[in-house]
């Protein structure tokens, strides 16, 4: 519990310290959004791949529909209508046959 409050306190101190720098907050906000957009999709894809494997998650793993829905939502699509979006090797019907 102490680590949580230490993290909050450190964020407040860093935020207050940035107020005294010549850093433009709007430019910092734009750059943080760009970095988030570039780094977000590979991280979500890796998590989706890991949670779909029984070796990694043992008792709880995501099925093909959950993985495709999550990745399609993250890509900005409404659903997983394209089979190529969901082509993860052992998860698709074509590769199991």
PDB file of N, CA and C in Angstrom:
ATOM      1  N   UNK A   1       0.816  -1.189   0.000  1.00  0.00           N
ATOM      2  CA  UNK A   1       0.000   0.000   0.000  1.00  0.00           C
ATOM      3  C   UNK A   1       0.864   1.259   0.000  1.00  0.00           C
ATOM      4  N   UNK A   2       2.012   1.190   0.631  1.00  0.00           N
ATOM      5  CA  UNK A   2       2.892   2.359   0.685  1.00  0.00           C
ATOM      6  C   UNK A   2       3.441   2.692  -0.695  1.00  0.00           C
ATOM      7  N   UNK A   3       3.673   1.665  -1.523  1.00  0.00           N
ATOM      8  CA  UNK A   3       4.193   1.907  -2.871  1.00  0.00           C
ATOM      9  C   UNK A   3       3.177   2.673  -3.717  1.00  0.00           C
ATOM     10  N   UNK A   4       1.906   2.378  -3.520  1.00  0.00           N
ATOM     11  CA  UNK A   4       0.857   3.090  -4.256  1.00  0.00           C
ATOM     12  C   UNK A   4       0.896   4.578  -3.942  1.00  0.00           C
ATOM     13  N   UNK A   5       0.918   4.911  -2.653  1.00  0.00           N
ATOM     14  CA  UNK A   5       0.921   6.315  -2.254  1.00  0.00           C
ATOM     15  C   UNK A   5       2.240   6.995  -2.610  1.00  0.00           C
ATOM     16  N   UNK A   6       3.326   6.257  -2.613  1.00  0.00           N
ATOM     17  CA  UNK A   6       4.612   6.823  -3.036  1.00  0.00           C
ATOM     18  C   UNK A   6       4.575   7.159  -4.524  1.00  0.00           C
ATOM     19  N   UNK A   7       3.933   6.311  -5.318  1.00  0.00           N
ATOM     20  CA  UNK A   7       3.803   6.582  -6.748  1.00  0.00           C
ATOM     21  C   UNK A   7       2.951   7.830  -6.990  1.00  0.00           C
ATOM     22  N   UNK A   8       1.863   7.954  -6.267  1.00  0.00           N
ATOM     23  CA  UNK A   8       1.010   9.144  -6.389  1.00  0.00           C
ATOM     24  C   UNK A   8       1.783  10.396  -5.983  1.00  0.00           C
ATOM     25  N   UNK A   9       2.517  10.327  -4.887  1.00  0.00           N
ATOM     26  CA  UNK A   9       3.291  11.479  -4.421  1.00  0.00           C
ATOM     27  C   UNK A   9       4.377  11.854  -5.428  1.00  0.00           C
ATOM     28  N   UNK A  10       5.047  10.858  -5.994  1.00  0.00           N
ATOM     29  CA  UNK A  10       6.083  11.138  -6.989  1.00  0.00           C
ATOM     30  C   UNK A  10       5.485  11.789  -8.231  1.00  0.00           C
ATOM     31  N   UNK A  11       4.320  11.339  -8.659  1.00  0.00           N
ATOM     32  CA  UNK A  11       3.664  11.935  -9.830  1.00  0.00           C
ATOM     33  C   UNK A  11       3.287  13.387  -9.559  1.00  0.00           C
ATOM     34  N   UNK A  12       2.848  13.678  -8.348  1.00  0.00           N
ATOM     35  CA  UNK A  12       2.498  15.058  -7.991  1.00  0.00           C
ATOM     36  C   UNK A  12       3.738  15.940  -7.987  1.00  0.00           C
ATOM     37  N   UNK A  13       4.828  15.422  -7.444  1.00  0.00           N
ATOM     38  CA  UNK A  13       6.068  16.203  -7.395  1.00  0.00           C
ATOM     39  C   UNK A  13       6.597  16.457  -8.807  1.00  0.00           C
ATOM     40  N   UNK A  14       6.576  15.432  -9.654  1.00  0.00           N
ATOM     41  CA  UNK A  14       7.045  15.603 -11.036  1.00  0.00           C
ATOM     42  C   UNK A  14       6.143  16.585 -11.778  1.00  0.00           C
ATOM     43  N   UNK A  15       4.836  16.463 -11.603  1.00  0.00           N
ATOM     44  CA  UNK A  15       3.909  17.380 -12.255  1.00  0.00           C
ATOM     45  C   UNK A  15       4.100  18.817 -11.806  1.00  0.00           C
ATOM     46  N   UNK A  16       4.312  19.007 -10.520  1.00  0.00           N
ATOM     47  CA  UNK A  16       4.549  20.364 -10.008  1.00  0.00           C
ATOM     48  C   UNK A  16       5.897  20.890 -10.497  1.00  0.00           C
ATOM     49  N   UNK A  17       6.880  20.010 -10.609  1.00  0.00           N
ATOM     50  CA  UNK A  17       8.195  20.423 -11.106  1.00  0.00           C
ATOM     51  C   UNK A  17       8.157  20.821 -12.570  1.00  0.00           C
ATOM     52  N   UNK A  18       7.315  20.154 -13.357  1.00  0.00           N
ATOM     53  CA  UNK A  18       7.203  20.501 -14.779  1.00  0.00           C
ATOM     54  C   UNK A  18       6.594  21.880 -14.989  1.00  0.00           C
ATOM     55  N   UNK A  19       5.918  22.383 -13.979  1.00  0.00           N
ATOM     56  CA  UNK A  19       5.317  23.710 -14.078  1.00  0.00           C
ATOM     57  C   UNK A  19       6.388  24.796 -14.161  1.00  0.00           C
ATOM     58  N   UNK A  20       7.577  24.511 -13.663  1.00  0.00           N
ATOM     59  CA  UNK A  20       8.653  25.497 -13.644  1.00  0.00           C
ATOM     60  C   UNK A  20       9.619  25.327 -14.819  1.00  0.00           C
ATOM     61  N   UNK A  21       9.300  24.482 -15.780  1.00  0.00           N
ATOM     62  CA  UNK A  21      10.146  24.275 -16.956  1.00  0.00           C
ATOM     63  C   UNK A  21       9.506  24.979 -18.158  1.00  0.00           C
ATOM     64  N   UNK A  22      10.285  25.228 -19.193  1.00  0.00           N
ATOM     65  CA  UNK A  22       9.719  25.863 -20.383  1.00  0.00           C
ATOM     66  C   UNK A  22       8.968  24.881 -21.300  1.00  0.00           C
ATOM     67  N   UNK A  23       8.693  23.701 -20.820  1.00  0.00           N
ATOM     68  CA  UNK A  23       8.008  22.680 -21.610  1.00  0.00           C
ATOM     69  C   UNK A  23       6.569  23.108 -21.902  1.00  0.00           C
ATOM     70  N   UNK A  24       6.178  23.052 -23.185  1.00  0.00           N
ATOM     71  CA  UNK A  24       4.817  23.401 -23.586  1.00  0.00           C
ATOM     72  C   UNK A  24       3.895  22.217 -23.292  1.00  0.00           C
ATOM     73  N   UNK A  25       2.882  22.373 -22.445  1.00  0.00           N
ATOM     74  CA  UNK A  25       2.029  21.243 -22.072  1.00  0.00           C
ATOM     75  C   UNK A  25       1.224  20.679 -23.239  1.00  0.00           C
ATOM     76  N   UNK A  26       0.836  21.496 -24.201  1.00  0.00           N
ATOM     77  CA  UNK A  26       0.073  21.004 -25.348  1.00  0.00           C
ATOM     78  C   UNK A  26       0.952  20.123 -26.233  1.00  0.00           C
ATOM     79  N   UNK A  27       2.191  20.543 -26.477  1.00  0.00           N
ATOM     80  CA  UNK A  27       3.113  19.716 -27.261  1.00  0.00           C
ATOM     81  C   UNK A  27       3.415  18.403 -26.533  1.00  0.00           C
ATOM     82  N   UNK A  28       3.558  18.475 -25.220  1.00  0.00           N
ATOM     83  CA  UNK A  28       3.793  17.249 -24.450  1.00  0.00           C
ATOM     84  C   UNK A  28       2.594  16.318 -24.540  1.00  0.00           C
ATOM     85  N   UNK A  29       1.391  16.870 -24.509  1.00  0.00           N
ATOM     86  CA  UNK A  29       0.182  16.069 -24.637  1.00  0.00           C
ATOM     87  C   UNK A  29       0.093  15.417 -26.015  1.00  0.00           C
ATOM     88  N   UNK A  30       0.441  16.158 -27.054  1.00  0.00           N
ATOM     89  CA  UNK A  30       0.418  15.609 -28.410  1.00  0.00           C
ATOM     90  C   UNK A  30       1.446  14.490 -28.552  1.00  0.00           C
ATOM     91  N   UNK A  31       2.657  14.700 -28.053  1.00  0.00           N
ATOM     92  CA  UNK A  31       3.694  13.666 -28.163  1.00  0.00           C
ATOM     93  C   UNK A  31       3.346  12.430 -27.345  1.00  0.00           C
ATOM     94  N   UNK A  32       2.719  12.614 -26.197  1.00  0.00           N
ATOM     95  CA  UNK A  32       2.323  11.442 -25.415  1.00  0.00           C
ATOM     96  C   UNK A  32       1.235  10.648 -26.130  1.00  0.00           C
ATOM     97  N   UNK A  33       0.328  11.337 -26.838  1.00  0.00           N
ATOM     98  CA  UNK A  33      -0.701  10.639 -27.614  1.00  0.00           C
ATOM     99  C   UNK A  33      -0.088   9.888 -28.788  1.00  0.00           C
ATOM    100  N   UNK A  34       0.910  10.475 -29.437  1.00  0.00           N
ATOM    101  CA  UNK A  34       1.587   9.801 -30.549  1.00  0.00           C
ATOM    102  C   UNK A  34       2.306   8.553 -30.056  1.00  0.00           C
ATOM    103  N   UNK A  35       3.019   8.667 -28.961  1.00  0.00           N
ATOM    104  CA  UNK A  35       3.738   7.511 -28.403  1.00  0.00           C
ATOM    105  C   UNK A  35       2.753   6.429 -27.972  1.00  0.00           C
ATOM    106  N   UNK A  36       1.647   6.822 -27.365  1.00  0.00           N
ATOM    107  CA  UNK A  36       0.622   5.871 -26.951  1.00  0.00           C
ATOM    108  C   UNK A  36       0.030   5.154 -28.155  1.00  0.00           C
ATOM    109  N   UNK A  37      -0.221   5.878 -29.239  1.00  0.00           N
ATOM    110  CA  UNK A  37      -0.778   5.264 -30.437  1.00  0.00           C
ATOM    111  C   UNK A  37       0.170   4.290 -31.101  1.00  0.00           C
ATOM    112  N   UNK A  38       1.450   4.599 -31.095  1.00  0.00           N
ATOM    113  CA  UNK A  38       2.442   3.713 -31.712  1.00  0.00           C
ATOM    114  C   UNK A  38       2.687   2.479 -30.849  1.00  0.00           C
ATOM    115  N   UNK A  39       2.761   2.657 -29.558  1.00  0.00           N
ATOM    116  CA  UNK A  39       3.087   1.541 -28.667  1.00  0.00           C
ATOM    117  C   UNK A  39       1.870   0.713 -28.275  1.00  0.00           C
ATOM    118  N   UNK A  40       0.679   1.273 -28.385  1.00  0.00           N
ATOM    119  CA  UNK A  40      -0.515   0.584 -27.894  1.00  0.00           C
ATOM    120  C   UNK A  40      -0.883  -0.677 -28.638  1.00  0.00           C
ATOM    121  N   UNK A  41      -0.946  -0.633 -29.945  1.00  0.00           N
ATOM    122  CA  UNK A  41      -1.406  -1.789 -30.717  1.00  0.00           C
ATOM    123  C   UNK A  41      -0.494  -3.010 -30.575  1.00  0.00           C
ATOM    124  N   UNK A  42       0.829  -2.885 -30.672  1.00  0.00           N
ATOM    125  CA  UNK A  42       1.654  -4.081 -30.467  1.00  0.00           C
ATOM    126  C   UNK A  42       1.497  -4.692 -29.073  1.00  0.00           C
ATOM    127  N   UNK A  43       1.313  -3.855 -28.070  1.00  0.00           N
ATOM    128  CA  UNK A  43       1.136  -4.371 -26.717  1.00  0.00           C
ATOM    129  C   UNK A  43      -0.181  -5.125 -26.594  1.00  0.00           C
ATOM    130  N   UNK A  44      -1.258  -4.564 -27.140  1.00  0.00           N
ATOM    131  CA  UNK A  44      -2.563  -5.228 -27.094  1.00  0.00           C
ATOM    132  C   UNK A  44      -2.530  -6.535 -27.884  1.00  0.00           C
ATOM    133  N   UNK A  45      -1.873  -6.527 -29.044  1.00  0.00           N
ATOM    134  CA  UNK A  45      -1.781  -7.749 -29.851  1.00  0.00           C
ATOM    135  C   UNK A  45      -1.007  -8.840 -29.117  1.00  0.00           C
ATOM    136  N   UNK A  46       0.077  -8.482 -28.458  1.00  0.00           N
ATOM    137  CA  UNK A  46       0.859  -9.470 -27.712  1.00  0.00           C
ATOM    138  C   UNK A  46       0.059 -10.028 -26.537  1.00  0.00           C
ATOM    139  N   UNK A  47      -0.662  -9.186 -25.838  1.00  0.00           N
ATOM    140  CA  UNK A  47      -1.491  -9.656 -24.729  1.00  0.00           C
ATOM    141  C   UNK A  47      -2.589 -10.579 -25.231  1.00  0.00           C
ATOM    142  N   UNK A  48      -3.206 -10.226 -26.365  1.00  0.00           N
ATOM    143  CA  UNK A  48      -4.259 -11.075 -26.935  1.00  0.00           C
ATOM    144  C   UNK A  48      -3.699 -12.434 -27.343  1.00  0.00           C
ATOM    145  N   UNK A  49      -2.523 -12.449 -27.936  1.00  0.00           N
ATOM    146  CA  UNK A  49      -1.908 -13.722 -28.317  1.00  0.00           C
ATOM    147  C   UNK A  49      -1.552 -14.563 -27.091  1.00  0.00           C
ATOM    148  N   UNK A  50      -1.031 -13.924 -26.068  1.00  0.00           N
ATOM    149  CA  UNK A  50      -0.660 -14.667 -24.863  1.00  0.00           C
ATOM    150  C   UNK A  50      -1.878 -15.226 -24.140  1.00  0.00           C
ATOM    151  N   UNK A  51      -2.969 -14.459 -24.069  1.00  0.00           N
ATOM    152  CA  UNK A  51      -4.141 -14.944 -23.345  1.00  0.00           C
ATOM    153  C   UNK A  51      -4.917 -15.996 -24.120  1.00  0.00           C
ATOM    154  N   UNK A  52      -4.619 -16.189 -25.389  1.00  0.00           N
ATOM    155  CA  UNK A  52      -5.304 -17.218 -26.169  1.00  0.00           C
ATOM    156  C   UNK A  52      -4.600 -18.571 -26.084  1.00  0.00           C
ATOM    157  N   UNK A  53      -3.467 -18.660 -25.434  1.00  0.00           N
ATOM    158  CA  UNK A  53      -2.705 -19.910 -25.348  1.00  0.00           C
ATOM    159  C   UNK A  53      -2.891 -20.566 -23.982  1.00  0.00           C
ATOM    160  N   UNK A  54      -3.275 -21.833 -24.013  1.00  0.00           N
ATOM    161  CA  UNK A  54      -3.498 -22.576 -22.765  1.00  0.00           C
ATOM    162  C   UNK A  54      -2.214 -22.771 -21.979  1.00  0.00           C
ATOM    163  N   UNK A  55      -1.089 -22.813 -22.662  1.00  0.00           N
ATOM    164  CA  UNK A  55       0.195 -23.006 -21.980  1.00  0.00           C
ATOM    165  C   UNK A  55       0.493 -21.837 -21.051  1.00  0.00           C
ATOM    166  N   UNK A  56       0.101 -20.652 -21.459  1.00  0.00           N
ATOM    167  CA  UNK A  56       0.393 -19.453 -20.676  1.00  0.00           C
ATOM    168  C   UNK A  56      -0.616 -19.253 -19.555  1.00  0.00           C
ATOM    169  N   UNK A  57      -1.918 -19.395 -19.865  1.00  0.00           N
ATOM    170  CA  UNK A  57      -2.945 -19.043 -18.890  1.00  0.00           C
ATOM    171  C   UNK A  57      -3.592 -20.237 -18.191  1.00  0.00           C
ATOM    172  N   UNK A  58      -3.232 -21.434 -18.575  1.00  0.00           N
ATOM    173  CA  UNK A  58      -3.728 -22.684 -17.995  1.00  0.00           C
ATOM    174  C   UNK A  58      -5.250 -22.782 -17.998  1.00  0.00           C
ATOM    175  N   UNK A  59      -5.913 -22.516 -16.892  1.00  0.00           N
ATOM    176  CA  UNK A  59      -7.361 -22.733 -16.790  1.00  0.00           C
ATOM    177  C   UNK A  59      -8.181 -21.678 -17.528  1.00  0.00           C
ATOM    178  N   UNK A  60      -7.717 -20.439 -17.556  1.00  0.00           N
ATOM    179  CA  UNK A  60      -8.478 -19.374 -18.204  1.00  0.00           C
ATOM    180  C   UNK A  60      -7.746 -18.927 -19.453  1.00  0.00           C
ATOM    181  N   UNK A  61      -8.368 -19.100 -20.605  1.00  0.00           N
ATOM    182  CA  UNK A  61      -7.806 -18.596 -21.849  1.00  0.00           C
ATOM    183  C   UNK A  61      -8.935 -18.068 -22.720  1.00  0.00           C
ATOM    184  N   UNK A  62      -8.604 -17.143 -23.581  1.00  0.00           N
ATOM    185  CA  UNK A  62      -9.597 -16.540 -24.465  1.00  0.00           C
ATOM    186  C   UNK A  62      -9.790 -17.404 -25.699  1.00  0.00           C
ATOM    187  N   UNK A  63     -11.023 -17.486 -26.157  1.00  0.00           N
ATOM    188  CA  UNK A  63     -11.288 -18.207 -27.393  1.00  0.00           C
ATOM    189  C   UNK A  63     -11.066 -17.284 -28.584  1.00  0.00           C
ATOM    190  N   UNK A  64     -11.235 -17.835 -29.772  1.00  0.00           N
ATOM    191  CA  UNK A  64     -10.970 -17.085 -31.000  1.00  0.00           C
ATOM    192  C   UNK A  64     -11.856 -15.847 -31.126  1.00  0.00           C
ATOM    193  N   UNK A  65     -13.102 -15.967 -30.735  1.00  0.00           N
ATOM    194  CA  UNK A  65     -14.029 -14.838 -30.866  1.00  0.00           C
ATOM    195  C   UNK A  65     -13.607 -13.689 -29.955  1.00  0.00           C
ATOM    196  N   UNK A  66     -13.232 -13.995 -28.728  1.00  0.00           N
ATOM    197  CA  UNK A  66     -12.818 -12.950 -27.792  1.00  0.00           C
ATOM    198  C   UNK A  66     -11.541 -12.257 -28.260  1.00  0.00           C
ATOM    199  N   UNK A  67     -10.600 -13.026 -28.780  1.00  0.00           N
ATOM    200  CA  UNK A  67      -9.349 -12.443 -29.263  1.00  0.00           C
ATOM    201  C   UNK A  67      -9.621 -11.542 -30.458  1.00  0.00           C
ATOM    202  N   UNK A  68     -10.415 -12.025 -31.404  1.00  0.00           N
ATOM    203  CA  UNK A  68     -10.710 -11.240 -32.615  1.00  0.00           C
ATOM    204  C   UNK A  68     -11.503  -9.990 -32.286  1.00  0.00           C
ATOM    205  N   UNK A  69     -12.453 -10.093 -31.381  1.00  0.00           N
ATOM    206  CA  UNK A  69     -13.240  -8.936 -30.998  1.00  0.00           C
ATOM    207  C   UNK A  69     -12.365  -7.889 -30.327  1.00  0.00           C
ATOM    208  N   UNK A  70     -11.476  -8.323 -29.458  1.00  0.00           N
ATOM    209  CA  UNK A  70     -10.577  -7.396 -28.786  1.00  0.00           C
ATOM    210  C   UNK A  70      -9.624  -6.708 -29.739  1.00  0.00           C
ATOM    211  N   UNK A  71      -9.034  -7.464 -30.664  1.00  0.00           N
ATOM    212  CA  UNK A  71      -8.113  -6.860 -31.620  1.00  0.00           C
ATOM    213  C   UNK A  71      -8.844  -5.965 -32.604  1.00  0.00           C
ATOM    214  N   UNK A  72     -10.024  -6.383 -33.041  1.00  0.00           N
ATOM    215  CA  UNK A  72     -10.783  -5.559 -33.983  1.00  0.00           C
ATOM    216  C   UNK A  72     -11.235  -4.260 -33.323  1.00  0.00           C
ATOM    217  N   UNK A  73     -11.619  -4.329 -32.052  1.00  0.00           N
ATOM    218  CA  UNK A  73     -12.016  -3.124 -31.334  1.00  0.00           C
ATOM    219  C   UNK A  73     -10.829  -2.189 -31.195  1.00  0.00           C
ATOM    220  N   UNK A  74      -9.657  -2.751 -30.926  1.00  0.00           N
ATOM    221  CA  UNK A  74      -8.477  -1.923 -30.752  1.00  0.00           C
ATOM    222  C   UNK A  74      -8.048  -1.289 -32.074  1.00  0.00           C
ATOM    223  N   UNK A  75      -8.322  -1.951 -33.177  1.00  0.00           N
ATOM    224  CA  UNK A  75      -7.981  -1.394 -34.489  1.00  0.00           C
ATOM    225  C   UNK A  75      -9.006  -0.375 -34.941  1.00  0.00           C
ATOM    226  N   UNK A  76     -10.107  -0.228 -34.219  1.00  0.00           N
ATOM    227  CA  UNK A  76     -11.122   0.739 -34.583  1.00  0.00           C
ATOM    228  C   UNK A  76     -12.250   0.145 -35.387  1.00  0.00           C
ATOM    229  N   UNK A  77     -12.304  -1.172 -35.522  1.00  0.00           N
ATOM    230  CA  UNK A  77     -13.371  -1.831 -36.258  1.00  0.00           C
ATOM    231  C   UNK A  77     -14.452  -2.271 -35.276  1.00  0.00           C
ATOM    232  N   UNK A  78     -15.635  -2.534 -35.788  1.00  0.00           N
ATOM    233  CA  UNK A  78     -16.739  -2.928 -34.937  1.00  0.00           C
ATOM    234  C   UNK A  78     -16.781  -4.407 -34.620  1.00  0.00           C
ATOM    235  N   UNK A  79     -16.125  -5.233 -35.395  1.00  0.00           N
ATOM    236  CA  UNK A  79     -16.166  -6.665 -35.160  1.00  0.00           C
ATOM    237  C   UNK A  79     -15.133  -7.383 -35.986  1.00  0.00           C
ATOM    238  N   UNK A  80     -15.135  -8.683 -35.896  1.00  0.00           N
ATOM    239  CA  UNK A  80     -14.128  -9.478 -36.588  1.00  0.00           C
ATOM    240  C   UNK A  80     -14.786 -10.193 -37.766  1.00  0.00           C
ATOM    241  N   UNK A  81     -15.004  -9.485 -38.853  1.00  0.00           N
ATOM    242  CA  UNK A  81     -15.622 -10.109 -40.010  1.00  0.00           C
ATOM    243  C   UNK A  81     -14.587 -10.674 -40.963  1.00  0.00           C
ATOM    244  N   UNK A  82     -13.378 -10.201 -40.904  1.00  0.00           N
ATOM    245  CA  UNK A  82     -12.317 -10.658 -41.789  1.00  0.00           C
ATOM    246  C   UNK A  82     -11.543 -11.789 -41.124  1.00  0.00           C
ATOM    247  N   UNK A  83     -11.458 -12.950 -41.764  1.00  0.00           N
ATOM    248  CA  UNK A  83     -10.757 -14.098 -41.166  1.00  0.00           C
ATOM    249  C   UNK A  83      -9.257 -13.843 -41.057  1.00  0.00           C
ATOM    250  N   UNK A  84      -8.709 -12.969 -41.917  1.00  0.00           N
ATOM    251  CA  UNK A  84      -7.270 -12.725 -41.869  1.00  0.00           C
ATOM    252  C   UNK A  84      -6.860 -11.936 -40.631  1.00  0.00           C
ATOM    253  N   UNK A  85      -7.768 -11.153 -40.065  1.00  0.00           N
ATOM    254  CA  UNK A  85      -7.471 -10.445 -38.820  1.00  0.00           C
ATOM    255  C   UNK A  85      -7.247 -11.450 -37.699  1.00  0.00           C
ATOM    256  N   UNK A  86      -7.938 -12.599 -37.787  1.00  0.00           N
ATOM    257  CA  UNK A  86      -7.930 -13.591 -36.726  1.00  0.00           C
ATOM    258  C   UNK A  86      -6.992 -14.764 -37.011  1.00  0.00           C
ATOM    259  N   UNK A  87      -6.069 -14.640 -37.927  1.00  0.00           N
ATOM    260  CA  UNK A  87      -5.218 -15.749 -38.329  1.00  0.00           C
ATOM    261  C   UNK A  87      -4.056 -15.900 -37.348  1.00  0.00           C
ATOM    262  N   UNK A  88      -4.264 -16.692 -36.306  1.00  0.00           N
ATOM    263  CA  UNK A  88      -3.244 -16.904 -35.288  1.00  0.00           C
ATOM    264  C   UNK A  88      -2.737 -18.336 -35.269  1.00  0.00           C
ATOM    265  N   UNK A  89      -2.617 -18.982 -36.389  1.00  0.00           N
ATOM    266  CA  UNK A  89      -2.088 -20.342 -36.409  1.00  0.00           C
ATOM    267  C   UNK A  89      -3.086 -21.341 -35.921  1.00  0.00           C
ATOM    268  N   UNK A  90      -2.901 -21.863 -34.708  1.00  0.00           N
ATOM    269  CA  UNK A  90      -3.746 -22.949 -34.208  1.00  0.00           C
ATOM    270  C   UNK A  90      -5.167 -22.510 -33.871  1.00  0.00           C
ATOM    271  N   UNK A  91      -5.464 -21.220 -33.903  1.00  0.00           N
ATOM    272  CA  UNK A  91      -6.790 -20.762 -33.521  1.00  0.00           C
ATOM    273  C   UNK A  91      -7.802 -20.827 -34.654  1.00  0.00           C
ATOM    274  N   UNK A  92      -7.367 -20.831 -35.905  1.00  0.00           N
ATOM    275  CA  UNK A  92      -8.312 -20.808 -37.018  1.00  0.00           C
ATOM    276  C   UNK A  92      -8.655 -22.199 -37.481  1.00  0.00           C
ATOM    277  N   UNK A  93      -9.834 -22.344 -38.081  1.00  0.00           N
ATOM    278  CA  UNK A  93     -10.311 -23.640 -38.537  1.00  0.00           C
ATOM    279  C   UNK A  93      -9.461 -24.207 -39.663  1.00  0.00           C
ATOM    280  N   UNK A  94      -8.945 -23.343 -40.560  1.00  0.00           N
ATOM    281  CA  UNK A  94      -8.182 -23.815 -41.692  1.00  0.00           C
ATOM    282  C   UNK A  94      -6.901 -24.516 -41.256  1.00  0.00           C
ATOM    283  N   UNK A  95      -6.250 -24.016 -40.236  1.00  0.00           N
ATOM    284  CA  UNK A  95      -4.986 -24.597 -39.813  1.00  0.00           C
ATOM    285  C   UNK A  95      -5.169 -25.836 -38.946  1.00  0.00           C
ATOM    286  N   UNK A  96      -6.360 -26.015 -38.344  1.00  0.00           N
ATOM    287  CA  UNK A  96      -6.605 -27.198 -37.527  1.00  0.00           C
ATOM    288  C   UNK A  96      -6.920 -28.407 -38.394  1.00  0.00           C
ATOM    289  N   UNK A  97      -7.435 -28.191 -39.588  1.00  0.00           N
ATOM    290  CA  UNK A  97      -7.830 -29.296 -40.460  1.00  0.00           C
ATOM    291  C   UNK A  97      -6.630 -29.988 -41.077  1.00  0.00           C
TER     292      UNK A  97
END
